[in-house]
Amino acid sequence: MRWTARCCSSPPTPRATSPGTSSRSTAGGRRDEGDGIGGRSRGVGIGGLGHLAVQVLADRAPAVIIGVVPRGTARELGLRLGADHAVASVAEAAALVSEVSGDTGADLVLDFVGAGQTLDAADGLMASGATLVVVGSAGGHLNVDKKGSLPRGWRVEAPFWGPHRHLQDVVDLAAAGTLSAVVETRSLDEVLDAYEDLRHGRADGRLVVVP
């Protein structure tokens, strides 16, 4: 199914908007529902799709946004786009979450990596009643139950897309200048190299292939 959305009289270019639609199914979906936004939010892997989520969260103004990404340039990007803190490892994030929350944990955890290391750390970052949103698909596994594997009142989501209203919302945010993708374009001849850059974490923002 393909959806269309209304835009402004001077719409942004496809190059600028093509990476943005998927952001609404992640942090964007939490923005208008209100869950987990009022306190500490923590995102893992903010260099790619996560840099859009940082902007959505900053627009809603949670108390603290903490980003996690190994690359220094991606951390600088996250801070520039609205993150309050950006650290290089999950261990650093855990210490910072504990410090800023008074050991209560984060209200919302967005995992844009989805690897074993990041998912294994989720339970130590979440507050009671927190939401974990698993966006990345890097092969990690998460076992949940009501016997204490995650803090009491946990909620886990694994979004792949979202309803039409989320698409409209992201177009509205982009038109208002609140949401903008950091985009690097590649030609069709450079597609294989682009995939290698993504695989090895050498790309900040989103890569768009143009003919």
N, C-alpha and C. Protein backbone atom coordinates (compact mmCIF):
# COMPACT_ATOMS: atom_id res chain seq x y z
N MET A 1 0.85 -1.19 0.00
CA MET A 1 0.00 0.00 0.00
C MET A 1 0.88 1.24 0.00
N ARG A 2 0.54 2.24 -0.81
CA ARG A 2 1.27 3.50 -0.84
C ARG A 2 0.33 4.62 -0.42
N TRP A 3 0.82 5.50 0.43
CA TRP A 3 0.01 6.61 0.92
C TRP A 3 0.57 7.93 0.41
N THR A 4 -0.29 8.91 0.31
CA THR A 4 0.13 10.27 0.01
C THR A 4 -0.27 11.16 1.17
N ALA A 5 0.39 12.30 1.27
CA ALA A 5 0.11 13.24 2.35
C ALA A 5 0.14 14.65 1.81
N ARG A 6 -0.69 15.52 2.38
CA ARG A 6 -0.72 16.92 1.99
C ARG A 6 0.57 17.61 2.44
N CYS A 7 1.00 18.58 1.65
CA CYS A 7 2.19 19.33 2.03
C CYS A 7 1.94 20.81 1.80
N CYS A 8 2.98 21.58 1.94
CA CYS A 8 2.89 23.03 1.86
C CYS A 8 2.96 23.50 0.41
N SER A 9 2.88 24.80 0.20
CA SER A 9 2.93 25.36 -1.14
C SER A 9 4.31 25.22 -1.77
N SER A 10 5.35 25.15 -0.94
CA SER A 10 6.72 24.96 -1.44
C SER A 10 7.32 23.73 -0.79
N PRO A 11 6.94 22.56 -1.27
CA PRO A 11 7.38 21.32 -0.61
C PRO A 11 8.88 21.11 -0.72
N PRO A 12 9.48 20.43 0.28
CA PRO A 12 10.90 20.10 0.19
C PRO A 12 11.14 19.10 -0.94
N THR A 13 12.38 18.97 -1.34
CA THR A 13 12.72 18.08 -2.45
C THR A 13 12.60 16.62 -2.02
N PRO A 14 12.38 15.70 -2.98
CA PRO A 14 12.37 14.28 -2.65
C PRO A 14 13.65 13.83 -1.96
N ARG A 15 14.78 14.42 -2.36
CA ARG A 15 16.06 14.08 -1.71
C ARG A 15 16.00 14.32 -0.22
N ALA A 16 15.35 15.41 0.18
CA ALA A 16 15.29 15.76 1.60
C ALA A 16 14.23 14.99 2.35
N THR A 17 13.13 14.65 1.67
CA THR A 17 12.00 14.04 2.38
C THR A 17 12.00 12.52 2.34
N SER A 18 12.67 11.90 1.37
CA SER A 18 12.58 10.45 1.23
C SER A 18 13.03 9.68 2.46
N PRO A 19 14.05 10.14 3.23
CA PRO A 19 14.44 9.38 4.41
C PRO A 19 13.53 9.63 5.61
N GLY A 20 12.67 10.63 5.55
CA GLY A 20 11.96 11.07 6.76
C GLY A 20 10.74 10.29 7.11
N THR A 21 10.09 9.66 6.13
CA THR A 21 8.80 9.05 6.42
C THR A 21 8.89 7.94 7.45
N SER A 22 9.99 7.19 7.45
CA SER A 22 10.11 6.08 8.39
C SER A 22 10.30 6.53 9.82
N SER A 23 10.66 7.79 10.04
CA SER A 23 10.91 8.25 11.41
C SER A 23 9.63 8.27 12.25
N ARG A 24 8.47 8.42 11.60
CA ARG A 24 7.23 8.51 12.36
C ARG A 24 6.82 7.19 12.98
N SER A 25 7.27 6.08 12.41
CA SER A 25 6.89 4.79 12.97
C SER A 25 7.73 4.43 14.18
N THR A 26 8.73 5.28 14.50
CA THR A 26 9.60 4.99 15.63
C THR A 26 9.30 5.97 16.75
N ALA A 27 10.14 6.98 16.92
CA ALA A 27 9.87 7.96 17.97
C ALA A 27 8.62 8.77 17.68
N GLY A 28 8.33 8.98 16.40
CA GLY A 28 7.17 9.79 16.05
C GLY A 28 5.89 9.23 16.58
N GLY A 29 5.76 7.91 16.56
CA GLY A 29 4.55 7.30 17.06
C GLY A 29 4.33 7.55 18.53
N ARG A 30 5.40 7.77 19.27
CA ARG A 30 5.28 8.03 20.70
C ARG A 30 4.93 9.50 20.95
N ARG A 31 5.25 10.36 19.97
CA ARG A 31 5.10 11.79 20.17
C ARG A 31 3.66 12.18 20.44
N ASP A 32 2.73 11.61 19.66
CA ASP A 32 1.35 12.04 19.83
C ASP A 32 0.57 11.15 20.78
N GLU A 33 1.12 9.98 21.13
CA GLU A 33 0.45 9.14 22.10
C GLU A 33 0.80 9.53 23.52
N GLY A 34 1.99 10.14 23.69
CA GLY A 34 2.35 10.68 24.99
C GLY A 34 3.05 9.70 25.91
N ASP A 35 3.14 8.42 25.56
CA ASP A 35 3.74 7.45 26.46
C ASP A 35 5.25 7.61 26.48
N GLY A 36 5.82 7.64 27.65
CA GLY A 36 7.27 7.60 27.79
C GLY A 36 7.98 8.85 27.36
N ILE A 37 7.29 9.94 27.13
CA ILE A 37 7.94 11.14 26.62
C ILE A 37 8.21 12.15 27.73
N GLY A 38 7.52 12.06 28.83
CA GLY A 38 7.59 13.11 29.82
C GLY A 38 8.87 13.17 30.61
N GLY A 39 9.70 12.11 30.60
CA GLY A 39 10.89 12.10 31.43
C GLY A 39 12.15 11.85 30.63
N ARG A 40 12.90 10.79 30.99
CA ARG A 40 14.17 10.52 30.35
C ARG A 40 13.98 9.61 29.14
N SER A 41 14.50 10.03 27.99
CA SER A 41 14.45 9.22 26.78
C SER A 41 15.88 8.89 26.39
N ARG A 42 16.09 7.66 25.95
CA ARG A 42 17.43 7.23 25.58
C ARG A 42 17.36 6.52 24.24
N GLY A 43 18.20 6.93 23.27
CA GLY A 43 18.21 6.30 21.96
C GLY A 43 19.56 5.69 21.67
N VAL A 44 19.57 4.45 21.17
CA VAL A 44 20.82 3.78 20.80
C VAL A 44 20.93 3.78 19.29
N GLY A 45 22.05 4.25 18.77
CA GLY A 45 22.25 4.29 17.34
C GLY A 45 21.62 5.51 16.71
N ILE A 46 22.03 6.70 17.14
CA ILE A 46 21.37 7.93 16.69
C ILE A 46 22.01 8.52 15.44
N GLY A 47 22.94 7.80 14.82
CA GLY A 47 23.61 8.35 13.65
C GLY A 47 22.80 8.23 12.37
N GLY A 48 21.96 7.19 12.23
CA GLY A 48 21.19 6.99 11.02
C GLY A 48 19.76 7.46 11.19
N LEU A 49 18.83 6.49 11.20
CA LEU A 49 17.43 6.83 11.43
C LEU A 49 17.24 7.55 12.76
N GLY A 50 18.08 7.22 13.72
CA GLY A 50 17.96 7.82 15.05
C GLY A 50 18.11 9.33 15.07
N HIS A 51 18.84 9.91 14.11
CA HIS A 51 19.00 11.37 14.12
C HIS A 51 17.67 12.07 13.84
N LEU A 52 16.76 11.38 13.14
CA LEU A 52 15.42 11.93 12.93
C LEU A 52 14.59 11.82 14.20
N ALA A 53 14.74 10.70 14.89
CA ALA A 53 14.00 10.51 16.14
C ALA A 53 14.40 11.53 17.19
N VAL A 54 15.69 11.88 17.23
CA VAL A 54 16.14 12.90 18.17
C VAL A 54 15.38 14.20 17.96
N GLN A 55 15.17 14.58 16.71
CA GLN A 55 14.46 15.82 16.40
C GLN A 55 12.99 15.75 16.82
N VAL A 56 12.37 14.59 16.60
CA VAL A 56 10.97 14.42 16.99
C VAL A 56 10.84 14.51 18.51
N LEU A 57 11.75 13.86 19.22
CA LEU A 57 11.72 13.91 20.69
C LEU A 57 11.99 15.33 21.19
N ALA A 58 12.95 16.01 20.57
CA ALA A 58 13.27 17.37 21.00
C ALA A 58 12.09 18.31 20.77
N ASP A 59 11.31 18.06 19.73
CA ASP A 59 10.13 18.88 19.47
C ASP A 59 9.10 18.72 20.57
N ARG A 60 9.01 17.53 21.12
CA ARG A 60 8.09 17.27 22.23
C ARG A 60 8.68 17.69 23.57
N ALA A 61 9.99 17.89 23.60
CA ALA A 61 10.71 18.39 24.78
C ALA A 61 10.57 17.49 26.00
N PRO A 62 11.06 16.24 25.93
CA PRO A 62 11.17 15.44 27.15
C PRO A 62 12.21 16.06 28.07
N ALA A 63 12.26 15.59 29.30
CA ALA A 63 13.18 16.19 30.26
C ALA A 63 14.64 16.05 29.82
N VAL A 64 15.03 14.85 29.38
CA VAL A 64 16.42 14.60 28.99
C VAL A 64 16.43 13.61 27.82
N ILE A 65 17.21 13.92 26.79
CA ILE A 65 17.42 13.00 25.67
C ILE A 65 18.88 12.57 25.68
N ILE A 66 19.12 11.27 25.77
CA ILE A 66 20.47 10.72 25.80
C ILE A 66 20.66 9.86 24.56
N GLY A 67 21.66 10.18 23.74
CA GLY A 67 21.95 9.42 22.54
C GLY A 67 23.19 8.56 22.73
N VAL A 68 23.21 7.40 22.07
CA VAL A 68 24.34 6.49 22.16
C VAL A 68 24.80 6.12 20.75
N VAL A 69 26.04 6.42 20.42
CA VAL A 69 26.59 6.04 19.12
C VAL A 69 28.11 6.13 19.21
N PRO A 70 28.84 5.14 18.68
CA PRO A 70 30.31 5.14 18.82
C PRO A 70 31.00 6.28 18.08
N ARG A 71 30.51 6.68 16.91
CA ARG A 71 31.22 7.65 16.09
C ARG A 71 31.11 9.05 16.66
N GLY A 72 32.24 9.72 16.76
CA GLY A 72 32.25 11.07 17.29
C GLY A 72 31.44 12.04 16.46
N THR A 73 31.51 11.91 15.12
CA THR A 73 30.74 12.82 14.26
C THR A 73 29.24 12.64 14.46
N ALA A 74 28.81 11.40 14.69
CA ALA A 74 27.39 11.15 14.91
C ALA A 74 26.94 11.69 16.26
N ARG A 75 27.83 11.63 17.27
CA ARG A 75 27.48 12.21 18.57
C ARG A 75 27.33 13.73 18.45
N GLU A 76 28.25 14.35 17.70
CA GLU A 76 28.14 15.79 17.48
C GLU A 76 26.84 16.14 16.76
N LEU A 77 26.47 15.31 15.79
CA LEU A 77 25.22 15.54 15.06
C LEU A 77 24.02 15.44 16.00
N GLY A 78 24.01 14.42 16.86
CA GLY A 78 22.90 14.26 17.80
C GLY A 78 22.75 15.44 18.74
N LEU A 79 23.86 15.95 19.23
CA LEU A 79 23.81 17.11 20.13
C LEU A 79 23.32 18.34 19.38
N ARG A 80 23.74 18.48 18.15
CA ARG A 80 23.32 19.63 17.35
C ARG A 80 21.82 19.60 17.06
N LEU A 81 21.26 18.40 16.96
CA LEU A 81 19.85 18.25 16.60
C LEU A 81 18.90 18.22 17.80
N GLY A 82 19.46 18.25 19.03
CA GLY A 82 18.56 18.35 20.18
C GLY A 82 18.82 17.40 21.32
N ALA A 83 19.75 16.46 21.19
CA ALA A 83 20.05 15.57 22.32
C ALA A 83 20.74 16.37 23.43
N ASP A 84 20.43 16.04 24.67
CA ASP A 84 21.08 16.69 25.81
C ASP A 84 22.45 16.10 26.09
N HIS A 85 22.58 14.81 25.83
CA HIS A 85 23.85 14.11 26.04
C HIS A 85 24.04 13.13 24.89
N ALA A 86 25.28 12.85 24.53
CA ALA A 86 25.60 11.84 23.53
C ALA A 86 26.85 11.11 23.99
N VAL A 87 26.75 9.80 24.15
CA VAL A 87 27.87 9.01 24.66
C VAL A 87 28.21 7.91 23.67
N ALA A 88 29.37 7.28 23.87
CA ALA A 88 29.89 6.34 22.89
C ALA A 88 29.50 4.89 23.14
N SER A 89 29.02 4.55 24.33
CA SER A 89 28.75 3.15 24.64
C SER A 89 27.50 3.00 25.49
N VAL A 90 26.97 1.79 25.47
CA VAL A 90 25.80 1.48 26.29
C VAL A 90 26.15 1.59 27.77
N ALA A 91 27.37 1.20 28.13
CA ALA A 91 27.79 1.29 29.53
C ALA A 91 27.79 2.74 30.01
N GLU A 92 28.29 3.66 29.18
CA GLU A 92 28.25 5.08 29.53
C GLU A 92 26.82 5.58 29.66
N ALA A 93 25.97 5.10 28.76
CA ALA A 93 24.56 5.50 28.80
C ALA A 93 23.90 5.04 30.09
N ALA A 94 24.20 3.82 30.51
CA ALA A 94 23.60 3.28 31.74
C ALA A 94 23.99 4.13 32.94
N ALA A 95 25.26 4.52 33.02
CA ALA A 95 25.72 5.35 34.13
C ALA A 95 25.05 6.71 34.11
N LEU A 96 24.89 7.27 32.91
CA LEU A 96 24.28 8.59 32.78
C LEU A 96 22.79 8.55 33.08
N VAL A 97 22.11 7.52 32.61
CA VAL A 97 20.69 7.36 32.92
C VAL A 97 20.49 7.26 34.43
N SER A 98 21.33 6.48 35.08
CA SER A 98 21.24 6.34 36.54
C SER A 98 21.45 7.68 37.23
N GLU A 99 22.41 8.45 36.72
CA GLU A 99 22.71 9.75 37.35
C GLU A 99 21.57 10.74 37.18
N VAL A 100 21.07 10.91 35.96
CA VAL A 100 20.07 11.95 35.72
C VAL A 100 18.69 11.55 36.22
N SER A 101 18.45 10.24 36.39
CA SER A 101 17.13 9.80 36.83
C SER A 101 17.05 9.50 38.32
N GLY A 102 18.17 9.63 39.02
CA GLY A 102 18.17 9.25 40.43
C GLY A 102 17.97 7.77 40.61
N ASP A 103 18.57 6.98 39.71
CA ASP A 103 18.52 5.52 39.72
C ASP A 103 17.14 4.95 39.43
N THR A 104 16.24 5.74 38.86
CA THR A 104 14.92 5.19 38.52
C THR A 104 14.85 4.66 37.09
N GLY A 105 15.72 5.13 36.19
CA GLY A 105 15.74 4.62 34.83
C GLY A 105 15.09 5.54 33.82
N ALA A 106 15.16 5.14 32.54
CA ALA A 106 14.59 5.91 31.44
C ALA A 106 13.14 5.52 31.21
N ASP A 107 12.33 6.49 30.82
CA ASP A 107 10.91 6.24 30.54
C ASP A 107 10.69 5.68 29.14
N LEU A 108 11.61 5.97 28.23
CA LEU A 108 11.50 5.50 26.85
C LEU A 108 12.88 5.14 26.35
N VAL A 109 13.03 3.93 25.82
CA VAL A 109 14.30 3.47 25.24
C VAL A 109 14.03 3.10 23.79
N LEU A 110 14.72 3.77 22.88
CA LEU A 110 14.61 3.51 21.45
C LEU A 110 15.89 2.85 20.97
N ASP A 111 15.80 1.62 20.49
CA ASP A 111 16.98 0.89 20.04
C ASP A 111 16.99 0.82 18.52
N PHE A 112 17.84 1.63 17.90
CA PHE A 112 17.93 1.66 16.45
C PHE A 112 18.98 0.69 15.93
N VAL A 113 19.54 -0.12 16.82
CA VAL A 113 20.53 -1.12 16.44
C VAL A 113 19.89 -2.51 16.47
N GLY A 114 19.35 -2.87 17.61
CA GLY A 114 18.71 -4.18 17.73
C GLY A 114 19.68 -5.34 17.80
N ALA A 115 20.88 -5.09 18.28
CA ALA A 115 21.89 -6.15 18.43
C ALA A 115 21.77 -6.78 19.82
N GLY A 116 22.45 -7.89 19.99
CA GLY A 116 22.42 -8.57 21.28
C GLY A 116 22.90 -7.68 22.41
N GLN A 117 23.98 -6.94 22.17
CA GLN A 117 24.56 -6.09 23.21
C GLN A 117 23.58 -5.00 23.65
N THR A 118 22.90 -4.39 22.69
CA THR A 118 22.00 -3.29 23.05
C THR A 118 20.73 -3.80 23.72
N LEU A 119 20.19 -4.91 23.23
CA LEU A 119 18.97 -5.44 23.83
C LEU A 119 19.24 -6.04 25.21
N ASP A 120 20.41 -6.63 25.39
CA ASP A 120 20.76 -7.17 26.71
C ASP A 120 20.84 -6.06 27.76
N ALA A 121 21.17 -4.85 27.32
CA ALA A 121 21.31 -3.74 28.27
C ALA A 121 20.00 -3.05 28.57
N ALA A 122 18.94 -3.36 27.82
CA ALA A 122 17.69 -2.61 27.93
C ALA A 122 17.10 -2.65 29.33
N ASP A 123 17.10 -3.83 29.97
CA ASP A 123 16.44 -3.94 31.27
C ASP A 123 17.11 -3.08 32.33
N GLY A 124 18.42 -2.84 32.19
CA GLY A 124 19.12 -2.02 33.16
C GLY A 124 18.94 -0.53 32.93
N LEU A 125 18.27 -0.16 31.85
CA LEU A 125 18.07 1.25 31.53
C LEU A 125 16.64 1.72 31.78
N MET A 126 15.70 0.78 31.81
CA MET A 126 14.29 1.14 31.85
C MET A 126 13.78 1.38 33.26
N ALA A 127 12.93 2.41 33.38
CA ALA A 127 12.21 2.65 34.63
C ALA A 127 10.99 1.75 34.69
N SER A 128 10.36 1.66 35.83
CA SER A 128 9.09 0.94 35.94
C SER A 128 8.07 1.62 35.03
N GLY A 129 7.36 0.81 34.24
CA GLY A 129 6.37 1.35 33.33
C GLY A 129 6.95 1.91 32.05
N ALA A 130 8.24 1.69 31.81
CA ALA A 130 8.90 2.26 30.62
C ALA A 130 8.54 1.49 29.35
N THR A 131 8.78 2.13 28.22
CA THR A 131 8.56 1.52 26.92
C THR A 131 9.89 1.32 26.21
N LEU A 132 10.09 0.12 25.67
CA LEU A 132 11.25 -0.19 24.84
C LEU A 132 10.76 -0.34 23.40
N VAL A 133 11.31 0.45 22.49
CA VAL A 133 10.94 0.39 21.08
C VAL A 133 12.15 -0.16 20.30
N VAL A 134 12.01 -1.35 19.75
CA VAL A 134 13.10 -2.00 19.02
C VAL A 134 12.91 -1.73 17.53
N VAL A 135 13.76 -0.86 17.00
CA VAL A 135 13.66 -0.46 15.60
C VAL A 135 14.68 -1.21 14.75
N GLY A 136 15.89 -1.34 15.25
CA GLY A 136 16.95 -2.00 14.50
C GLY A 136 16.75 -3.50 14.41
N SER A 137 17.41 -4.09 13.41
CA SER A 137 17.26 -5.54 13.15
C SER A 137 18.64 -6.19 13.01
N ALA A 138 19.50 -5.97 14.00
CA ALA A 138 20.87 -6.47 13.92
C ALA A 138 21.04 -7.85 14.55
N GLY A 139 19.95 -8.61 14.66
CA GLY A 139 20.06 -10.00 15.08
C GLY A 139 19.95 -10.27 16.56
N GLY A 140 19.67 -9.24 17.37
CA GLY A 140 19.53 -9.46 18.81
C GLY A 140 18.20 -10.14 19.17
N HIS A 141 18.17 -10.73 20.34
CA HIS A 141 16.96 -11.40 20.84
C HIS A 141 16.59 -10.82 22.20
N LEU A 142 15.30 -10.77 22.46
CA LEU A 142 14.83 -10.24 23.74
C LEU A 142 13.80 -11.20 24.31
N ASN A 143 14.07 -11.72 25.50
CA ASN A 143 13.12 -12.57 26.19
C ASN A 143 12.41 -11.75 27.27
N VAL A 144 11.09 -11.76 27.22
CA VAL A 144 10.32 -10.99 28.20
C VAL A 144 9.31 -11.89 28.89
N ASP A 145 9.03 -11.57 30.14
CA ASP A 145 8.01 -12.27 30.90
C ASP A 145 7.55 -11.36 32.03
N LYS A 146 6.62 -11.82 32.82
CA LYS A 146 6.11 -11.00 33.92
C LYS A 146 6.74 -11.40 35.25
N LYS A 147 7.86 -12.09 35.18
CA LYS A 147 8.52 -12.56 36.40
C LYS A 147 9.76 -11.74 36.74
N GLY A 148 9.97 -10.62 36.05
CA GLY A 148 11.09 -9.77 36.41
C GLY A 148 12.17 -9.61 35.38
N SER A 149 11.96 -10.12 34.14
CA SER A 149 13.00 -9.95 33.12
C SER A 149 13.16 -8.49 32.73
N LEU A 150 12.08 -7.71 32.82
CA LEU A 150 12.10 -6.28 32.60
C LEU A 150 11.40 -5.61 33.78
N PRO A 151 11.64 -4.31 33.99
CA PRO A 151 11.00 -3.63 35.11
C PRO A 151 9.48 -3.73 35.04
N ARG A 152 8.85 -3.65 36.20
CA ARG A 152 7.39 -3.78 36.30
C ARG A 152 6.67 -2.81 35.37
N GLY A 153 5.63 -3.30 34.72
CA GLY A 153 4.84 -2.46 33.84
C GLY A 153 5.48 -2.22 32.48
N TRP A 154 6.44 -3.06 32.09
CA TRP A 154 7.17 -2.86 30.84
C TRP A 154 6.24 -2.92 29.64
N ARG A 155 6.72 -2.31 28.57
CA ARG A 155 6.01 -2.33 27.31
C ARG A 155 7.05 -2.39 26.20
N VAL A 156 6.89 -3.31 25.26
CA VAL A 156 7.85 -3.49 24.18
C VAL A 156 7.14 -3.37 22.84
N GLU A 157 7.73 -2.61 21.93
CA GLU A 157 7.18 -2.45 20.59
C GLU A 157 8.28 -2.71 19.56
N ALA A 158 7.88 -3.24 18.40
CA ALA A 158 8.82 -3.48 17.30
C ALA A 158 8.18 -2.96 16.01
N PRO A 159 8.18 -1.65 15.80
CA PRO A 159 7.48 -1.06 14.66
C PRO A 159 8.18 -1.33 13.34
N PHE A 160 7.38 -1.50 12.30
CA PHE A 160 7.91 -1.60 10.95
C PHE A 160 7.42 -0.43 10.09
N TRP A 161 6.32 0.16 10.44
CA TRP A 161 5.78 1.31 9.72
C TRP A 161 4.81 1.99 10.65
N GLY A 162 3.83 2.65 10.14
CA GLY A 162 2.86 3.32 10.98
C GLY A 162 1.63 3.67 10.18
N PRO A 163 0.58 4.17 10.82
CA PRO A 163 -0.64 4.55 10.11
C PRO A 163 -0.45 5.82 9.29
N HIS A 164 -1.43 6.11 8.46
CA HIS A 164 -1.35 7.27 7.56
C HIS A 164 -1.14 8.57 8.33
N ARG A 165 -1.76 8.71 9.51
CA ARG A 165 -1.64 9.96 10.26
C ARG A 165 -0.19 10.22 10.66
N HIS A 166 0.61 9.18 10.84
CA HIS A 166 2.02 9.38 11.16
C HIS A 166 2.78 9.92 9.97
N LEU A 167 2.44 9.44 8.76
CA LEU A 167 3.05 9.99 7.56
C LEU A 167 2.71 11.46 7.41
N GLN A 168 1.44 11.82 7.64
CA GLN A 168 1.04 13.21 7.54
C GLN A 168 1.78 14.06 8.57
N ASP A 169 1.96 13.53 9.77
CA ASP A 169 2.65 14.27 10.81
C ASP A 169 4.10 14.57 10.43
N VAL A 170 4.78 13.57 9.84
CA VAL A 170 6.19 13.80 9.52
C VAL A 170 6.32 14.81 8.37
N VAL A 171 5.38 14.79 7.45
CA VAL A 171 5.39 15.80 6.38
C VAL A 171 5.15 17.19 6.96
N ASP A 172 4.23 17.28 7.92
CA ASP A 172 3.95 18.57 8.57
C ASP A 172 5.18 19.08 9.33
N LEU A 173 5.87 18.18 10.03
CA LEU A 173 7.06 18.58 10.77
C LEU A 173 8.15 19.06 9.82
N ALA A 174 8.32 18.36 8.70
CA ALA A 174 9.34 18.77 7.73
C ALA A 174 8.98 20.11 7.10
N ALA A 175 7.70 20.30 6.79
CA ALA A 175 7.27 21.56 6.19
C ALA A 175 7.46 22.73 7.14
N ALA A 176 7.32 22.46 8.45
CA ALA A 176 7.47 23.51 9.45
C ALA A 176 8.93 23.78 9.80
N GLY A 177 9.84 22.95 9.26
CA GLY A 177 11.26 23.13 9.56
C GLY A 177 11.70 22.49 10.85
N THR A 178 10.80 21.72 11.50
CA THR A 178 11.12 21.07 12.76
C THR A 178 11.92 19.79 12.55
N LEU A 179 11.72 19.15 11.42
CA LEU A 179 12.37 17.87 11.13
C LEU A 179 13.07 17.96 9.78
N SER A 180 14.37 17.68 9.78
CA SER A 180 15.10 17.68 8.51
C SER A 180 16.13 16.56 8.54
N ALA A 181 16.21 15.85 7.45
CA ALA A 181 17.15 14.74 7.36
C ALA A 181 18.52 15.21 6.90
N VAL A 182 19.53 14.70 7.55
CA VAL A 182 20.90 14.89 7.06
C VAL A 182 21.12 13.83 5.99
N VAL A 183 21.30 14.26 4.76
CA VAL A 183 21.27 13.34 3.62
C VAL A 183 22.58 13.42 2.82
N GLU A 184 23.09 12.25 2.47
CA GLU A 184 24.21 12.15 1.55
C GLU A 184 23.73 11.36 0.34
N THR A 185 23.89 11.89 -0.85
CA THR A 185 23.43 11.20 -2.05
C THR A 185 24.55 10.37 -2.66
N ARG A 186 24.16 9.24 -3.22
CA ARG A 186 25.08 8.37 -3.95
C ARG A 186 24.47 8.02 -5.31
N SER A 187 25.31 7.73 -6.27
CA SER A 187 24.83 7.31 -7.57
C SER A 187 24.57 5.81 -7.56
N LEU A 188 23.90 5.31 -8.61
CA LEU A 188 23.64 3.88 -8.70
C LEU A 188 24.93 3.07 -8.74
N ASP A 189 25.96 3.63 -9.32
CA ASP A 189 27.25 2.92 -9.39
C ASP A 189 27.91 2.79 -8.01
N GLU A 190 27.45 3.58 -7.05
CA GLU A 190 28.07 3.58 -5.72
C GLU A 190 27.26 2.81 -4.69
N VAL A 191 26.23 2.10 -5.13
CA VAL A 191 25.34 1.43 -4.18
C VAL A 191 26.08 0.43 -3.30
N LEU A 192 26.93 -0.40 -3.88
CA LEU A 192 27.63 -1.41 -3.08
C LEU A 192 28.55 -0.76 -2.05
N ASP A 193 29.21 0.31 -2.44
CA ASP A 193 30.06 1.03 -1.49
C ASP A 193 29.21 1.66 -0.38
N ALA A 194 28.03 2.13 -0.75
CA ALA A 194 27.13 2.73 0.25
C ALA A 194 26.73 1.70 1.29
N TYR A 195 26.40 0.49 0.83
CA TYR A 195 26.05 -0.57 1.77
C TYR A 195 27.21 -0.90 2.70
N GLU A 196 28.42 -0.90 2.18
CA GLU A 196 29.58 -1.16 3.01
C GLU A 196 29.76 -0.06 4.06
N ASP A 197 29.54 1.18 3.66
CA ASP A 197 29.65 2.29 4.61
C ASP A 197 28.60 2.15 5.72
N LEU A 198 27.39 1.75 5.36
CA LEU A 198 26.35 1.53 6.37
C LEU A 198 26.72 0.37 7.29
N ARG A 199 27.21 -0.70 6.70
CA ARG A 199 27.54 -1.89 7.48
C ARG A 199 28.64 -1.61 8.50
N HIS A 200 29.58 -0.76 8.13
CA HIS A 200 30.72 -0.48 9.01
C HIS A 200 30.58 0.84 9.76
N GLY A 201 29.38 1.41 9.75
CA GLY A 201 29.14 2.61 10.56
C GLY A 201 29.88 3.84 10.11
N ARG A 202 30.06 3.98 8.80
CA ARG A 202 30.81 5.13 8.30
C ARG A 202 29.91 6.24 7.75
N ALA A 203 28.58 6.10 7.91
CA ALA A 203 27.66 7.08 7.36
C ALA A 203 26.88 7.74 8.49
N ASP A 204 26.84 9.05 8.48
CA ASP A 204 25.99 9.81 9.39
C ASP A 204 24.74 10.27 8.64
N GLY A 205 23.62 10.28 9.29
CA GLY A 205 22.40 10.66 8.62
C GLY A 205 21.91 9.53 7.73
N ARG A 206 21.31 9.90 6.58
CA ARG A 206 20.73 8.90 5.67
C ARG A 206 21.40 8.99 4.31
N LEU A 207 21.53 7.83 3.67
CA LEU A 207 22.06 7.77 2.32
C LEU A 207 20.90 7.63 1.34
N VAL A 208 20.90 8.43 0.30
CA VAL A 208 19.86 8.37 -0.73
C VAL A 208 20.53 8.13 -2.08
N VAL A 209 20.06 7.11 -2.77
CA VAL A 209 20.59 6.79 -4.09
C VAL A 209 19.76 7.49 -5.15
N VAL A 210 20.42 8.19 -6.05
CA VAL A 210 19.73 8.90 -7.13
C VAL A 210 20.29 8.43 -8.47
N PRO A 211 19.45 8.35 -9.49
CA PRO A 211 19.91 7.90 -10.81
C PRO A 211 20.96 8.87 -11.37
